[in-house]
Every structure is written in structure tokens, then in C-alpha cells.
Amino acid sequence: MLFLTKSDYEKMLAHCKEGLPNEACGLIGGVVEGEKQYVKKVYLLTNMDESNEHFSMDPKEQLAAVKDCLLYTSDAADDMRKNGYVPLGNFHSHPESPSRPSEEDKRLAYDSKANYLILSLMEADNPVLNAFRVDEEKQVTKEELVIS
């Protein structure tokens, strides 16, 4: 079960709307308590593809926030380390399609333990955010997401 604050949801939503008509993306960090994961920080990244059908995280931003997290050398990693956060996964928007992993999303899912959040903006007045896991065989499981 994944917990997200309303303010972090709104931060993600604003970032994704600002990215329109393209997909927007980012990372989430937080804490794990047994089966429960709590998002404590949302990291907004740049979609280098500038596309409405796919995204690529800015390599420098991604490296700083993910890989260097282990080395504690980036601002995002320093923030995670100082607060006891761990990487929980990533998010991206689907400007014109539902909140579910595309075939490309599944193909590019590299970590079966990561949460993959997808925010659909296909109905402007009714954004839909869901969380998923993608296993090694590329099978998708919808995770319970609580926004409060």
C-alpha cells in the first residue's frame, strides 16, 4: 500500500499539467514501514523527449536523484539521506491515454520493487492517478494508493 499526501499529489498534478501537451515525469522518495510505503518527497524531473506519447528522464537529473542517491552526492540524495528517505519509484503523465502502463512503460520498467505512478490527464477535469508494479515477466499489478 502506497500513501501520498494531498499536497504531493497536487505538486505532481501541477507539474504534469505544466508539461502539457507532453508527458511529464519525476521520482518519489519516502519511507517503508512493513507493507506500507509513505511518499515524503516528490522530485520533479524534465522529460527530455518532449513527447505526448513517451518520456525520458533528464539523464543528469535522474543520475543525481537515483544513482548518486547511493553515493549521497546529489541534492535529492542528500535530502533523502538526511530525512531517512529511500527511492520508492517514479511517476509520469499520460496526456491522452488512461492511467495504466503502456507496452512501452512495461518494456522500460526495470525494477519490480518500484512503484510506477501514472497520472492520466485525458479528461482535463478528471485527472486519474494509479500506482502499479511491473514484475520481471512484465506482468502488471495495480497497487493500492491512498491520497490524504
Protein backbone atom coordinates (compact mmCIF):
# COMPACT_ATOMS: atom_id res chain seq x y z
CA MET A 1 0.00 0.00 0.00
CA LEU A 2 1.33 3.40 -1.01
CA PHE A 3 0.42 6.62 0.81
CA LEU A 4 0.66 10.04 -0.85
CA THR A 5 -0.23 13.37 0.72
CA LYS A 6 -2.76 15.60 -0.99
CA SER A 7 -0.10 18.34 -1.28
CA ASP A 8 2.36 15.98 -3.02
CA TYR A 9 -0.44 14.82 -5.32
CA GLU A 10 -1.18 18.44 -6.18
CA LYS A 11 2.54 19.07 -6.80
CA MET A 12 2.64 16.13 -9.24
CA LEU A 13 -0.59 17.26 -10.90
CA ALA A 14 0.69 20.82 -11.39
CA HIS A 15 3.98 19.54 -12.84
CA CYS A 16 2.12 17.25 -15.24
CA LYS A 17 -0.29 19.98 -16.33
CA GLU A 18 2.62 22.39 -16.87
CA GLY A 19 4.22 19.77 -19.12
CA LEU A 20 1.23 19.56 -21.46
CA PRO A 21 0.87 18.69 -24.23
CA ASN A 22 3.81 16.41 -23.41
CA GLU A 23 4.24 13.75 -20.76
CA ALA A 24 5.87 14.91 -17.53
CA CYS A 25 7.89 12.76 -15.13
CA GLY A 26 9.56 12.57 -11.75
CA LEU A 27 10.66 10.41 -8.85
CA ILE A 28 9.23 9.69 -5.43
CA GLY A 29 11.12 9.13 -2.19
CA GLY A 30 9.90 8.21 1.23
CA VAL A 31 9.88 5.63 3.98
CA VAL A 32 8.90 1.98 4.20
CA GLU A 33 7.16 0.58 7.26
CA GLY A 34 6.45 -3.09 6.68
CA GLU A 35 3.98 -3.39 3.80
CA LYS A 36 3.23 0.34 3.87
CA GLN A 37 5.18 2.92 1.88
CA TYR A 38 4.85 6.62 2.56
CA VAL A 39 5.82 9.17 -0.09
CA LYS A 40 7.59 12.00 1.72
CA LYS A 41 9.05 13.88 -1.24
CA VAL A 42 8.27 14.28 -4.92
CA TYR A 43 11.17 15.11 -7.25
CA LEU A 44 10.11 16.85 -10.47
CA LEU A 45 12.26 15.94 -13.48
CA THR A 46 12.46 17.04 -17.10
CA ASN A 47 11.06 14.93 -19.96
CA MET A 48 13.90 15.13 -22.48
CA ASP A 49 11.75 13.59 -25.24
CA GLU A 50 9.25 16.45 -25.23
CA SER A 51 6.63 13.97 -26.45
CA ASN A 52 2.99 13.32 -25.61
CA GLU A 53 3.48 9.55 -26.06
CA HIS A 54 6.63 8.75 -24.12
CA PHE A 55 9.20 10.20 -21.77
CA SER A 56 12.87 10.00 -20.94
CA MET A 57 14.03 11.49 -17.69
CA ASP A 58 16.83 14.02 -17.99
CA PRO A 59 19.92 11.82 -17.51
CA LYS A 60 21.69 14.33 -15.26
CA GLU A 61 18.63 14.81 -13.06
CA GLN A 62 17.96 11.08 -12.96
CA LEU A 63 21.56 10.26 -12.17
CA ALA A 64 21.59 12.83 -9.39
CA ALA A 65 18.32 11.63 -7.89
CA VAL A 66 18.68 7.86 -8.36
CA LYS A 67 22.19 6.51 -8.95
CA ASP A 68 24.01 9.10 -6.89
CA CYS A 69 21.46 8.55 -4.16
CA LEU A 70 23.59 5.60 -3.15
CA LEU A 71 26.63 7.89 -3.00
CA TYR A 72 24.80 10.73 -1.26
CA THR A 73 26.22 13.35 -3.60
CA SER A 74 23.16 14.99 -5.15
CA ASP A 75 20.75 17.47 -3.64
CA ALA A 76 17.93 14.93 -3.97
CA ALA A 77 20.07 12.18 -2.45
CA ASP A 78 21.26 14.46 0.35
CA ASP A 79 17.65 15.31 1.08
CA MET A 80 16.64 11.65 1.02
CA ARG A 81 19.56 10.64 3.26
CA LYS A 82 19.09 13.49 5.75
CA ASN A 83 15.43 12.59 6.12
CA GLY A 84 15.90 8.83 6.06
CA TYR A 85 14.11 8.51 2.72
CA VAL A 86 14.60 5.77 0.17
CA PRO A 87 13.66 5.80 -3.54
CA LEU A 88 10.12 4.42 -3.89
CA GLY A 89 9.63 4.71 -7.65
CA ASN A 90 8.66 7.18 -10.33
CA PHE A 91 5.69 8.89 -11.92
CA HIS A 92 4.73 10.15 -15.32
CA SER A 93 1.68 11.51 -17.04
CA HIS A 94 -0.43 10.23 -19.90
CA PRO A 95 -1.86 13.36 -21.53
CA GLU A 96 -4.08 11.45 -23.96
CA SER A 97 -4.48 7.93 -22.58
CA PRO A 98 -5.75 6.14 -19.45
CA SER A 99 -3.87 5.67 -16.19
CA ARG A 100 -2.33 2.29 -16.96
CA PRO A 101 1.09 1.19 -18.19
CA SER A 102 1.54 1.25 -21.95
CA GLU A 103 3.51 -1.50 -23.67
CA GLU A 104 6.49 0.86 -23.70
CA ASP A 105 6.03 1.57 -19.97
CA LYS A 106 6.10 -2.16 -19.26
CA ARG A 107 9.10 -2.74 -21.51
CA LEU A 108 11.06 0.02 -19.77
CA ALA A 109 10.08 -0.99 -16.23
CA TYR A 110 13.40 -2.12 -14.79
CA ASP A 111 12.66 -2.58 -11.08
CA SER A 112 9.96 -4.98 -9.90
CA LYS A 113 10.05 -3.38 -6.43
CA ALA A 114 9.45 0.16 -7.72
CA ASN A 115 6.11 1.92 -7.74
CA TYR A 116 5.15 3.22 -11.16
CA LEU A 117 2.60 6.02 -10.82
CA ILE A 118 0.70 7.11 -13.91
CA LEU A 119 -1.40 10.26 -13.97
CA SER A 120 -3.94 10.38 -16.78
CA LEU A 121 -4.91 13.84 -17.98
CA MET A 122 -7.07 12.68 -20.88
CA GLU A 123 -10.10 14.21 -19.13
CA ALA A 124 -8.88 17.66 -18.08
CA ASP A 125 -11.44 17.99 -15.28
CA ASN A 126 -10.96 14.44 -14.02
CA PRO A 127 -7.28 13.50 -13.60
CA VAL A 128 -6.73 9.88 -12.58
CA LEU A 129 -3.65 8.68 -10.68
CA ASN A 130 -2.90 4.99 -10.19
CA ALA A 131 0.10 3.08 -8.87
CA PHE A 132 1.43 -0.13 -10.41
CA ARG A 133 4.15 -2.72 -10.02
CA VAL A 134 5.66 -4.46 -13.04
CA ASP A 135 7.36 -7.80 -12.40
CA GLU A 136 10.27 -9.38 -14.29
CA GLU A 137 7.85 -11.04 -16.74
CA LYS A 138 6.27 -7.60 -17.39
CA GLN A 139 3.04 -8.55 -15.64
CA VAL A 140 1.28 -5.52 -14.15
CA THR A 141 -0.28 -5.35 -10.69
CA LYS A 142 -2.28 -2.35 -9.54
CA GLU A 143 -1.17 -1.17 -6.10
CA GLU A 144 -3.45 0.34 -3.51
CA LEU A 145 -2.85 4.11 -3.46
CA VAL A 146 -4.17 6.28 -0.64
CA ILE A 147 -4.18 10.05 -1.15
CA SER A 148 -4.95 12.03 2.01
